[in-house]
């Protein structure tokens, strides 16, 4: 079961990160906290890295 879940996560990580990023972006880039802003830009960076590795 872990292997199946792990493969699914690896296959769909970009989609998952984009969905999470969009949920943070819902207020038109008005972040409620510094932490949300940091998470948003870290997710963008992770998506960029994952796309480069593929």
PDB file of N, CA and C in Angstrom:
ATOM      1  N   UNK A   1       0.822  -1.193   0.000  1.00  0.00           N
ATOM      2  CA  UNK A   1       0.000   0.000   0.000  1.00  0.00           C
ATOM      3  C   UNK A   1       0.869   1.261   0.000  1.00  0.00           C
ATOM      4  N   UNK A   2       1.943   1.233   0.766  1.00  0.00           N
ATOM      5  CA  UNK A   2       2.839   2.395   0.805  1.00  0.00           C
ATOM      6  C   UNK A   2       3.460   2.656  -0.560  1.00  0.00           C
ATOM      7  N   UNK A   3       3.847   1.602  -1.242  1.00  0.00           N
ATOM      8  CA  UNK A   3       4.474   1.762  -2.557  1.00  0.00           C
ATOM      9  C   UNK A   3       3.522   2.402  -3.556  1.00  0.00           C
ATOM     10  N   UNK A   4       2.281   1.973  -3.535  1.00  0.00           N
ATOM     11  CA  UNK A   4       1.289   2.524  -4.466  1.00  0.00           C
ATOM     12  C   UNK A   4       1.085   4.002  -4.180  1.00  0.00           C
ATOM     13  N   UNK A   5       0.942   4.329  -2.905  1.00  0.00           N
ATOM     14  CA  UNK A   5       0.747   5.722  -2.514  1.00  0.00           C
ATOM     15  C   UNK A   5       1.976   6.561  -2.866  1.00  0.00           C
ATOM     16  N   UNK A   6       3.143   6.020  -2.630  1.00  0.00           N
ATOM     17  CA  UNK A   6       4.381   6.735  -2.946  1.00  0.00           C
ATOM     18  C   UNK A   6       4.502   6.985  -4.449  1.00  0.00           C
ATOM     19  N   UNK A   7       4.182   5.996  -5.264  1.00  0.00           N
ATOM     20  CA  UNK A   7       4.226   6.167  -6.719  1.00  0.00           C
ATOM     21  C   UNK A   7       3.221   7.215  -7.178  1.00  0.00           C
ATOM     22  N   UNK A   8       2.033   7.200  -6.569  1.00  0.00           N
ATOM     23  CA  UNK A   8       1.018   8.179  -6.924  1.00  0.00           C
ATOM     24  C   UNK A   8       1.474   9.590  -6.581  1.00  0.00           C
ATOM     25  N   UNK A   9       2.087   9.760  -5.416  1.00  0.00           N
ATOM     26  CA  UNK A   9       2.594  11.072  -4.996  1.00  0.00           C
ATOM     27  C   UNK A   9       3.681  11.539  -5.955  1.00  0.00           C
ATOM     28  N   UNK A  10       4.616  10.678  -6.268  1.00  0.00           N
ATOM     29  CA  UNK A  10       5.707  11.041  -7.175  1.00  0.00           C
ATOM     30  C   UNK A  10       5.161  11.432  -8.540  1.00  0.00           C
ATOM     31  N   UNK A  11       4.170  10.702  -9.008  1.00  0.00           N
ATOM     32  CA  UNK A  11       3.606  10.980 -10.321  1.00  0.00           C
ATOM     33  C   UNK A  11       2.846  12.305 -10.353  1.00  0.00           C
ATOM     34  N   UNK A  12       2.206  12.668  -9.254  1.00  0.00           N
ATOM     35  CA  UNK A  12       1.318  13.829  -9.227  1.00  0.00           C
ATOM     36  C   UNK A  12       1.809  14.972  -8.353  1.00  0.00           C
ATOM     37  N   UNK A  13       3.070  15.004  -8.016  1.00  0.00           N
ATOM     38  CA  UNK A  13       3.569  16.014  -7.078  1.00  0.00           C
ATOM     39  C   UNK A  13       3.379  17.438  -7.604  1.00  0.00           C
ATOM     40  N   UNK A  14       3.557  17.666  -8.877  1.00  0.00           N
ATOM     41  CA  UNK A  14       3.404  19.017  -9.427  1.00  0.00           C
ATOM     42  C   UNK A  14       1.954  19.464  -9.312  1.00  0.00           C
ATOM     43  N   UNK A  15       1.026  18.580  -9.620  1.00  0.00           N
ATOM     44  CA  UNK A  15      -0.390  18.927  -9.497  1.00  0.00           C
ATOM     45  C   UNK A  15      -0.755  19.246  -8.049  1.00  0.00           C
ATOM     46  N   UNK A  16      -0.260  18.452  -7.140  1.00  0.00           N
ATOM     47  CA  UNK A  16      -0.548  18.650  -5.722  1.00  0.00           C
ATOM     48  C   UNK A  16       0.002  19.989  -5.246  1.00  0.00           C
ATOM     49  N   UNK A  17       1.229  20.291  -5.630  1.00  0.00           N
ATOM     50  CA  UNK A  17       1.834  21.556  -5.219  1.00  0.00           C
ATOM     51  C   UNK A  17       1.111  22.745  -5.838  1.00  0.00           C
ATOM     52  N   UNK A  18       0.687  22.626  -7.087  1.00  0.00           N
ATOM     53  CA  UNK A  18      -0.043  23.724  -7.725  1.00  0.00           C
ATOM     54  C   UNK A  18      -1.381  23.970  -7.055  1.00  0.00           C
ATOM     55  N   UNK A  19      -2.065  22.909  -6.672  1.00  0.00           N
ATOM     56  CA  UNK A  19      -3.343  23.067  -5.978  1.00  0.00           C
ATOM     57  C   UNK A  19      -3.131  23.776  -4.648  1.00  0.00           C
ATOM     58  N   UNK A  20      -2.105  23.380  -3.936  1.00  0.00           N
ATOM     59  CA  UNK A  20      -1.820  24.019  -2.650  1.00  0.00           C
ATOM     60  C   UNK A  20      -1.424  25.480  -2.850  1.00  0.00           C
ATOM     61  N   UNK A  21      -0.622  25.735  -3.870  1.00  0.00           N
ATOM     62  CA  UNK A  21      -0.202  27.108  -4.154  1.00  0.00           C
ATOM     63  C   UNK A  21      -1.400  27.975  -4.514  1.00  0.00           C
ATOM     64  N   UNK A  22      -2.312  27.440  -5.302  1.00  0.00           N
ATOM     65  CA  UNK A  22      -3.510  28.181  -5.689  1.00  0.00           C
ATOM     66  C   UNK A  22      -4.390  28.482  -4.486  1.00  0.00           C
ATOM     67  N   UNK A  23      -4.414  27.597  -3.524  1.00  0.00           N
ATOM     68  CA  UNK A  23      -5.215  27.857  -2.327  1.00  0.00           C
ATOM     69  C   UNK A  23      -4.628  29.015  -1.532  1.00  0.00           C
ATOM     70  N   UNK A  24      -3.320  29.168  -1.564  1.00  0.00           N
ATOM     71  CA  UNK A  24      -2.691  30.310  -0.888  1.00  0.00           C
ATOM     72  C   UNK A  24      -2.904  31.590  -1.681  1.00  0.00           C
ATOM     73  N   UNK A  25      -3.008  31.455  -2.996  1.00  0.00           N
ATOM     74  CA  UNK A  25      -3.101  32.597  -3.883  1.00  0.00           C
ATOM     75  C   UNK A  25      -4.527  33.145  -3.981  1.00  0.00           C
ATOM     76  N   UNK A  26      -5.456  32.538  -3.334  1.00  0.00           N
ATOM     77  CA  UNK A  26      -6.864  32.892  -3.495  1.00  0.00           C
ATOM     78  C   UNK A  26      -7.184  34.345  -3.145  1.00  0.00           C
ATOM     79  N   UNK A  27      -6.382  34.989  -2.361  1.00  0.00           N
ATOM     80  CA  UNK A  27      -6.633  36.384  -1.980  1.00  0.00           C
ATOM     81  C   UNK A  27      -5.848  37.359  -2.855  1.00  0.00           C
ATOM     82  N   UNK A  28      -5.591  36.987  -4.096  1.00  0.00           N
ATOM     83  CA  UNK A  28      -4.857  37.841  -5.046  1.00  0.00           C
ATOM     84  C   UNK A  28      -3.499  38.274  -4.517  1.00  0.00           C
ATOM     85  N   UNK A  29      -2.763  37.312  -4.060  1.00  0.00           N
ATOM     86  CA  UNK A  29      -1.406  37.503  -3.544  1.00  0.00           C
ATOM     87  C   UNK A  29      -1.343  38.420  -2.319  1.00  0.00           C
ATOM     88  N   UNK A  30      -2.421  38.528  -1.609  1.00  0.00           N
ATOM     89  CA  UNK A  30      -2.382  39.232  -0.332  1.00  0.00           C
ATOM     90  C   UNK A  30      -2.253  38.161   0.734  1.00  0.00           C
ATOM     91  N   UNK A  31      -1.068  38.011   1.249  1.00  0.00           N
ATOM     92  CA  UNK A  31      -0.798  36.948   2.200  1.00  0.00           C
ATOM     93  C   UNK A  31      -1.141  37.410   3.609  1.00  0.00           C
ATOM     94  N   UNK A  32      -1.729  36.527   4.345  1.00  0.00           N
ATOM     95  CA  UNK A  32      -2.127  36.857   5.707  1.00  0.00           C
ATOM     96  C   UNK A  32      -0.934  36.862   6.652  1.00  0.00           C
ATOM     97  N   UNK A  33       0.006  36.005   6.386  1.00  0.00           N
ATOM     98  CA  UNK A  33       1.181  35.925   7.253  1.00  0.00           C
ATOM     99  C   UNK A  33       2.436  35.790   6.404  1.00  0.00           C
ATOM    100  N   UNK A  34       3.538  36.045   7.044  1.00  0.00           N
ATOM    101  CA  UNK A  34       4.828  35.864   6.387  1.00  0.00           C
ATOM    102  C   UNK A  34       5.033  34.400   6.031  1.00  0.00           C
ATOM    103  N   UNK A  35       4.548  33.512   6.864  1.00  0.00           N
ATOM    104  CA  UNK A  35       4.693  32.084   6.615  1.00  0.00           C
ATOM    105  C   UNK A  35       4.001  31.665   5.322  1.00  0.00           C
ATOM    106  N   UNK A  36       2.802  32.164   5.071  1.00  0.00           N
ATOM    107  CA  UNK A  36       2.107  31.846   3.822  1.00  0.00           C
ATOM    108  C   UNK A  36       2.887  32.341   2.612  1.00  0.00           C
ATOM    109  N   UNK A  37       3.450  33.512   2.720  1.00  0.00           N
ATOM    110  CA  UNK A  37       4.244  34.062   1.624  1.00  0.00           C
ATOM    111  C   UNK A  37       5.463  33.190   1.373  1.00  0.00           C
ATOM    112  N   UNK A  38       6.126  32.778   2.421  1.00  0.00           N
ATOM    113  CA  UNK A  38       7.304  31.937   2.285  1.00  0.00           C
ATOM    114  C   UNK A  38       6.946  30.596   1.662  1.00  0.00           C
ATOM    115  N   UNK A  39       5.872  29.992   2.127  1.00  0.00           N
ATOM    116  CA  UNK A  39       5.434  28.706   1.585  1.00  0.00           C
ATOM    117  C   UNK A  39       5.096  28.839   0.106  1.00  0.00           C
ATOM    118  N   UNK A  40       4.414  29.898  -0.258  1.00  0.00           N
ATOM    119  CA  UNK A  40       4.026  30.121  -1.651  1.00  0.00           C
ATOM    120  C   UNK A  40       5.253  30.145  -2.565  1.00  0.00           C
ATOM    121  N   UNK A  41       6.259  30.918  -2.206  1.00  0.00           N
ATOM    122  CA  UNK A  41       7.430  31.032  -3.061  1.00  0.00           C
ATOM    123  C   UNK A  41       8.304  29.784  -3.019  1.00  0.00           C
ATOM    124  N   UNK A  42       8.304  29.073  -1.914  1.00  0.00           N
ATOM    125  CA  UNK A  42       9.030  27.808  -1.853  1.00  0.00           C
ATOM    126  C   UNK A  42       8.365  26.768  -2.758  1.00  0.00           C
ATOM    127  N   UNK A  43       7.049  26.767  -2.802  1.00  0.00           N
ATOM    128  CA  UNK A  43       6.341  25.831  -3.676  1.00  0.00           C
ATOM    129  C   UNK A  43       6.638  26.147  -5.133  1.00  0.00           C
ATOM    130  N   UNK A  44       6.653  27.421  -5.493  1.00  0.00           N
ATOM    131  CA  UNK A  44       7.012  27.791  -6.870  1.00  0.00           C
ATOM    132  C   UNK A  44       8.404  27.274  -7.220  1.00  0.00           C
ATOM    133  N   UNK A  45       9.332  27.423  -6.282  1.00  0.00           N
ATOM    134  CA  UNK A  45      10.701  26.965  -6.501  1.00  0.00           C
ATOM    135  C   UNK A  45      10.745  25.439  -6.643  1.00  0.00           C
ATOM    136  N   UNK A  46      10.013  24.718  -5.812  1.00  0.00           N
ATOM    137  CA  UNK A  46       9.978  23.261  -5.899  1.00  0.00           C
ATOM    138  C   UNK A  46       9.400  22.791  -7.230  1.00  0.00           C
ATOM    139  N   UNK A  47       8.351  23.441  -7.683  1.00  0.00           N
ATOM    140  CA  UNK A  47       7.755  23.081  -8.973  1.00  0.00           C
ATOM    141  C   UNK A  47       8.768  23.283 -10.086  1.00  0.00           C
ATOM    142  N   UNK A  48       9.495  24.371 -10.026  1.00  0.00           N
ATOM    143  CA  UNK A  48      10.522  24.652 -11.039  1.00  0.00           C
ATOM    144  C   UNK A  48      11.598  23.571 -11.029  1.00  0.00           C
ATOM    145  N   UNK A  49      12.056  23.189  -9.853  1.00  0.00           N
ATOM    146  CA  UNK A  49      13.089  22.151  -9.737  1.00  0.00           C
ATOM    147  C   UNK A  49      12.601  20.805 -10.256  1.00  0.00           C
ATOM    148  N   UNK A  50      11.388  20.449  -9.917  1.00  0.00           N
ATOM    149  CA  UNK A  50      10.841  19.158 -10.350  1.00  0.00           C
ATOM    150  C   UNK A  50      10.708  19.117 -11.871  1.00  0.00           C
ATOM    151  N   UNK A  51      10.257  20.217 -12.457  1.00  0.00           N
ATOM    152  CA  UNK A  51      10.124  20.267 -13.921  1.00  0.00           C
ATOM    153  C   UNK A  51      11.477  20.146 -14.601  1.00  0.00           C
ATOM    154  N   UNK A  52      12.507  20.732 -14.025  1.00  0.00           N
ATOM    155  CA  UNK A  52      13.845  20.651 -14.610  1.00  0.00           C
ATOM    156  C   UNK A  52      14.393  19.238 -14.528  1.00  0.00           C
ATOM    157  N   UNK A  53      14.104  18.526 -13.473  1.00  0.00           N
ATOM    158  CA  UNK A  53      14.617  17.172 -13.303  1.00  0.00           C
ATOM    159  C   UNK A  53      13.945  16.177 -14.238  1.00  0.00           C
ATOM    160  N   UNK A  54      12.721  16.454 -14.636  1.00  0.00           N
ATOM    161  CA  UNK A  54      11.986  15.534 -15.515  1.00  0.00           C
ATOM    162  C   UNK A  54      12.423  15.666 -16.896  1.00  0.00           C
TER     163      UNK A  54
END
